[in-house]
């Protein structure tokens, strides 16, 4: 529908240090972080306050992206520097939301500044 955001492909390059023990699991962890970031930015529920308290009572109140809504391709590459290993899944999630926001801005000229991103 008009105004819907669809992500067809995501590219991720990880500079996480040397010695990735299990490359396949590392790739899957990063892909999961990307899907979580997209979930937060595209279908996440706002936290509502009622009389100063959070109204949502459980994580079950927050919708998550299903595989059917995930991008068909999340390409992951890792750099192989000489320094010791750092984090793996944690660095992949935070840049997803601003990257999507910038992509929406590039495509529409509209700067969205609250989550979830909604194009009206």
C-alpha atoms as a PDB file:
ATOM      1  CA  UNK A   1       0.000   0.000   0.000  1.00  0.00           C
ATOM      2  CA  UNK A   2       1.095   3.571  -0.508  1.00  0.00           C
ATOM      3  CA  UNK A   3       3.091   4.813   2.474  1.00  0.00           C
ATOM      4  CA  UNK A   4       4.236   1.348   3.505  1.00  0.00           C
ATOM      5  CA  UNK A   5       7.947   0.809   3.973  1.00  0.00           C
ATOM      6  CA  UNK A   6       9.492  -2.347   2.555  1.00  0.00           C
ATOM      7  CA  UNK A   7      13.131  -3.314   2.969  1.00  0.00           C
ATOM      8  CA  UNK A   8      14.380  -5.595   0.196  1.00  0.00           C
ATOM      9  CA  UNK A   9      18.035  -5.954   1.142  1.00  0.00           C
ATOM     10  CA  UNK A  10      20.340  -5.003   4.001  1.00  0.00           C
ATOM     11  CA  UNK A  11      24.121  -4.897   3.808  1.00  0.00           C
ATOM     12  CA  UNK A  12      26.131  -5.248   7.024  1.00  0.00           C
ATOM     13  CA  UNK A  13      29.900  -5.042   7.427  1.00  0.00           C
ATOM     14  CA  UNK A  14      31.165  -5.988  10.871  1.00  0.00           C
ATOM     15  CA  UNK A  15      34.502  -4.837  12.243  1.00  0.00           C
ATOM     16  CA  UNK A  16      34.431  -7.017  15.350  1.00  0.00           C
ATOM     17  CA  UNK A  17      38.037  -8.104  15.708  1.00  0.00           C
ATOM     18  CA  UNK A  18      39.860 -11.240  14.692  1.00  0.00           C
ATOM     19  CA  UNK A  19      39.113 -14.899  15.445  1.00  0.00           C
ATOM     20  CA  UNK A  20      35.479 -15.517  14.617  1.00  0.00           C
ATOM     21  CA  UNK A  21      35.114 -19.057  15.964  1.00  0.00           C
ATOM     22  CA  UNK A  22      31.852 -19.951  14.215  1.00  0.00           C
ATOM     23  CA  UNK A  23      31.297 -17.759  11.121  1.00  0.00           C
ATOM     24  CA  UNK A  24      27.853 -19.183  10.303  1.00  0.00           C
ATOM     25  CA  UNK A  25      26.496 -18.524  13.801  1.00  0.00           C
ATOM     26  CA  UNK A  26      28.124 -15.073  13.771  1.00  0.00           C
ATOM     27  CA  UNK A  27      26.350 -14.273  10.503  1.00  0.00           C
ATOM     28  CA  UNK A  28      23.024 -15.479  11.900  1.00  0.00           C
ATOM     29  CA  UNK A  29      23.441 -13.446  15.074  1.00  0.00           C
ATOM     30  CA  UNK A  30      23.982 -10.290  13.020  1.00  0.00           C
ATOM     31  CA  UNK A  31      21.007 -11.118  10.783  1.00  0.00           C
ATOM     32  CA  UNK A  32      18.854 -11.519  13.897  1.00  0.00           C
ATOM     33  CA  UNK A  33      20.033  -8.146  15.200  1.00  0.00           C
ATOM     34  CA  UNK A  34      19.082  -6.531  11.883  1.00  0.00           C
ATOM     35  CA  UNK A  35      15.609  -8.078  12.000  1.00  0.00           C
ATOM     36  CA  UNK A  36      15.170  -6.872  15.592  1.00  0.00           C
ATOM     37  CA  UNK A  37      16.216  -3.334  14.599  1.00  0.00           C
ATOM     38  CA  UNK A  38      13.800  -3.344  11.675  1.00  0.00           C
ATOM     39  CA  UNK A  39      11.077  -4.693  13.960  1.00  0.00           C
ATOM     40  CA  UNK A  40      11.611  -1.848  16.423  1.00  0.00           C
ATOM     41  CA  UNK A  41      11.611   0.783  13.696  1.00  0.00           C
ATOM     42  CA  UNK A  42       8.806  -0.513  11.475  1.00  0.00           C
ATOM     43  CA  UNK A  43       6.253  -2.308  13.644  1.00  0.00           C
ATOM     44  CA  UNK A  44       7.315  -1.599  17.203  1.00  0.00           C
ATOM     45  CA  UNK A  45       4.709  -0.384  19.596  1.00  0.00           C
ATOM     46  CA  UNK A  46       5.067   2.902  21.391  1.00  0.00           C
ATOM     47  CA  UNK A  47       5.368   2.740  25.159  1.00  0.00           C
ATOM     48  CA  UNK A  48       2.332   4.430  26.666  1.00  0.00           C
ATOM     49  CA  UNK A  49       2.130   5.961  30.106  1.00  0.00           C
ATOM     50  CA  UNK A  50      -1.055   5.961  32.173  1.00  0.00           C
ATOM     51  CA  UNK A  51      -0.926   7.954  35.405  1.00  0.00           C
ATOM     52  CA  UNK A  52       2.866   7.853  35.275  1.00  0.00           C
ATOM     53  CA  UNK A  53       3.098   4.078  34.764  1.00  0.00           C
ATOM     54  CA  UNK A  54       3.874   2.039  31.680  1.00  0.00           C
ATOM     55  CA  UNK A  55       0.565   0.622  30.423  1.00  0.00           C
ATOM     56  CA  UNK A  56       2.036  -2.391  28.629  1.00  0.00           C
ATOM     57  CA  UNK A  57       2.374  -5.271  31.059  1.00  0.00           C
ATOM     58  CA  UNK A  58       4.413  -7.809  29.154  1.00  0.00           C
ATOM     59  CA  UNK A  59       6.780  -8.182  26.215  1.00  0.00           C
ATOM     60  CA  UNK A  60       3.915 -10.098  24.605  1.00  0.00           C
ATOM     61  CA  UNK A  61       2.244  -6.703  24.139  1.00  0.00           C
ATOM     62  CA  UNK A  62       4.947  -5.738  21.652  1.00  0.00           C
ATOM     63  CA  UNK A  63       4.643  -7.139  18.119  1.00  0.00           C
ATOM     64  CA  UNK A  64       7.770  -8.609  16.544  1.00  0.00           C
ATOM     65  CA  UNK A  65       8.718  -8.880  12.899  1.00  0.00           C
ATOM     66  CA  UNK A  66       8.029 -12.307  11.496  1.00  0.00           C
ATOM     67  CA  UNK A  67      10.250 -13.958   8.912  1.00  0.00           C
ATOM     68  CA  UNK A  68       7.613 -13.188   6.271  1.00  0.00           C
ATOM     69  CA  UNK A  69       8.190  -9.461   6.911  1.00  0.00           C
ATOM     70  CA  UNK A  70      11.989  -9.653   7.048  1.00  0.00           C
ATOM     71  CA  UNK A  71      14.107  -8.614   4.070  1.00  0.00           C
ATOM     72  CA  UNK A  72      14.689 -11.462   1.607  1.00  0.00           C
ATOM     73  CA  UNK A  73      18.416 -10.808   1.845  1.00  0.00           C
ATOM     74  CA  UNK A  74      20.612  -9.661   4.729  1.00  0.00           C
ATOM     75  CA  UNK A  75      24.183  -9.768   3.432  1.00  0.00           C
ATOM     76  CA  UNK A  76      26.823  -9.950   6.177  1.00  0.00           C
ATOM     77  CA  UNK A  77      30.571  -9.580   5.762  1.00  0.00           C
ATOM     78  CA  UNK A  78      33.192  -9.447   8.503  1.00  0.00           C
ATOM     79  CA  UNK A  79      36.475  -7.581   8.384  1.00  0.00           C
ATOM     80  CA  UNK A  80      39.486  -9.514   9.655  1.00  0.00           C
ATOM     81  CA  UNK A  81      41.690  -7.034  11.506  1.00  0.00           C
ATOM     82  CA  UNK A  82      44.599  -7.938  13.780  1.00  0.00           C
ATOM     83  CA  UNK A  83      43.110  -6.642  17.041  1.00  0.00           C
ATOM     84  CA  UNK A  84      41.392  -8.894  19.627  1.00  0.00           C
ATOM     85  CA  UNK A  85      37.678  -9.771  19.300  1.00  0.00           C
ATOM     86  CA  UNK A  86      35.072  -7.282  20.470  1.00  0.00           C
ATOM     87  CA  UNK A  87      31.263  -7.613  20.439  1.00  0.00           C
ATOM     88  CA  UNK A  88      29.239  -9.365  17.764  1.00  0.00           C
ATOM     89  CA  UNK A  89      25.462  -9.066  18.069  1.00  0.00           C
ATOM     90  CA  UNK A  90      25.395  -5.820  20.009  1.00  0.00           C
ATOM     91  CA  UNK A  91      27.087  -3.596  17.388  1.00  0.00           C
ATOM     92  CA  UNK A  92      24.742  -4.752  14.615  1.00  0.00           C
ATOM     93  CA  UNK A  93      21.428  -3.557  16.064  1.00  0.00           C
ATOM     94  CA  UNK A  94      21.844   0.172  16.864  1.00  0.00           C
ATOM     95  CA  UNK A  95      22.772   1.393  13.337  1.00  0.00           C
ATOM     96  CA  UNK A  96      19.759  -0.334  11.729  1.00  0.00           C
ATOM     97  CA  UNK A  97      17.191   2.215  12.918  1.00  0.00           C
ATOM     98  CA  UNK A  98      19.013   5.397  11.797  1.00  0.00           C
ATOM     99  CA  UNK A  99      20.048   3.687   8.541  1.00  0.00           C
ATOM    100  CA  UNK A 100      16.396   2.959   7.768  1.00  0.00           C
ATOM    101  CA  UNK A 101      15.461   6.503   8.766  1.00  0.00           C
ATOM    102  CA  UNK A 102      18.085   7.875   6.385  1.00  0.00           C
ATOM    103  CA  UNK A 103      16.893   5.560   3.592  1.00  0.00           C
ATOM    104  CA  UNK A 104      13.316   6.786   4.084  1.00  0.00           C
ATOM    105  CA  UNK A 105      14.577  10.373   3.978  1.00  0.00           C
ATOM    106  CA  UNK A 106      16.556   9.696   0.782  1.00  0.00           C
ATOM    107  CA  UNK A 107      13.495   8.107  -0.861  1.00  0.00           C
ATOM    108  CA  UNK A 108      10.824  10.546   0.324  1.00  0.00           C
ATOM    109  CA  UNK A 109      12.500  13.729   1.550  1.00  0.00           C
ATOM    110  CA  UNK A 110      10.753  13.246   4.904  1.00  0.00           C
ATOM    111  CA  UNK A 111      12.749  13.040   8.123  1.00  0.00           C
ATOM    112  CA  UNK A 112      10.965  10.772  10.615  1.00  0.00           C
ATOM    113  CA  UNK A 113      12.034  11.309  14.207  1.00  0.00           C
ATOM    114  CA  UNK A 114       9.938   8.929  16.305  1.00  0.00           C
ATOM    115  CA  UNK A 115       9.448   5.191  16.426  1.00  0.00           C
ATOM    116  CA  UNK A 116       7.900   3.260  14.910  1.00  0.00           C
ATOM    117  CA  UNK A 117       8.428   5.002  11.569  1.00  0.00           C
ATOM    118  CA  UNK A 118       5.011   5.808  10.083  1.00  0.00           C
ATOM    119  CA  UNK A 119       4.456   7.425   6.711  1.00  0.00           C
ATOM    120  CA  UNK A 120       0.999   9.015   6.604  1.00  0.00           C
END
